[in-house]
């Protein structure tokens, strides 16, 4: 039976690359988007052109009160497009970033980071648990910034560190259903995240490349390929791990 992956925040960037790489491995895809519906639908069309089933659903991870309704949409989507009532893989990828030095972090910024990067992976995973197959897999996306520090990312990185701990407890407690839970922590990647700060600021890009063992900044396909490898059929014994995908940044 074809395996189905649900990827949050997949209309662009890392989520889009994850969807393309998983589809290349024969997976069908449910992608979510917050506001970029056209980009999500373009991705779905690309996946379908490659022979995969794919659907895009709206989801705003800032509003946890809507997660139960979203789970109902997923249930209906599975029944309509796959004649199934469960999917296999959940990738909690959606989220934004804020750049603010510690002394200037606002309560609103802290709340937004909490809502997107800790509250959403926790409560959305809860809402979707009945729809995840026994023996399924969950990947929570963190950041290399939980291991090394750059000024301005304290609020973002703090929530990512918390979700790494959450992943351990999820892995422990979902083990009875043979559901694995791992954390994937990208290093600096050339995307439009943070307004394209890493991708478009030459001095920043060069400094990160010089601080990375492999001599360059990461690309979205580096992360998409890593997720596809982690969710490969032969990787099912990997559980409760933080897997950094940074090319050896800051070692």
Foldseek 3Di string as FASTA:
>chain_A
DAAEEEEEQQLDFLNVLLQVLLLVVRHAYEYEHAPPPVSQVVSQVVSVVVVHHYYYDYDDLLDLVCLLVVLVVVQVVCCVRPVDRAHAEYELDDDAAWFDFPVPDDPVRLSRLCSRQPVSVVSNCVSNVVRHAQLGEYEYEAAPCLVPPDGRGVSNNVSSVVVLVVQLVCQVVSVVSLYAYEYEHEYAEQTCGVPRVCNPDVVNQQVQLVQAPVRGFHYSNLSSNVSSVCRDPVNSVDHSYYHYRTNRGND
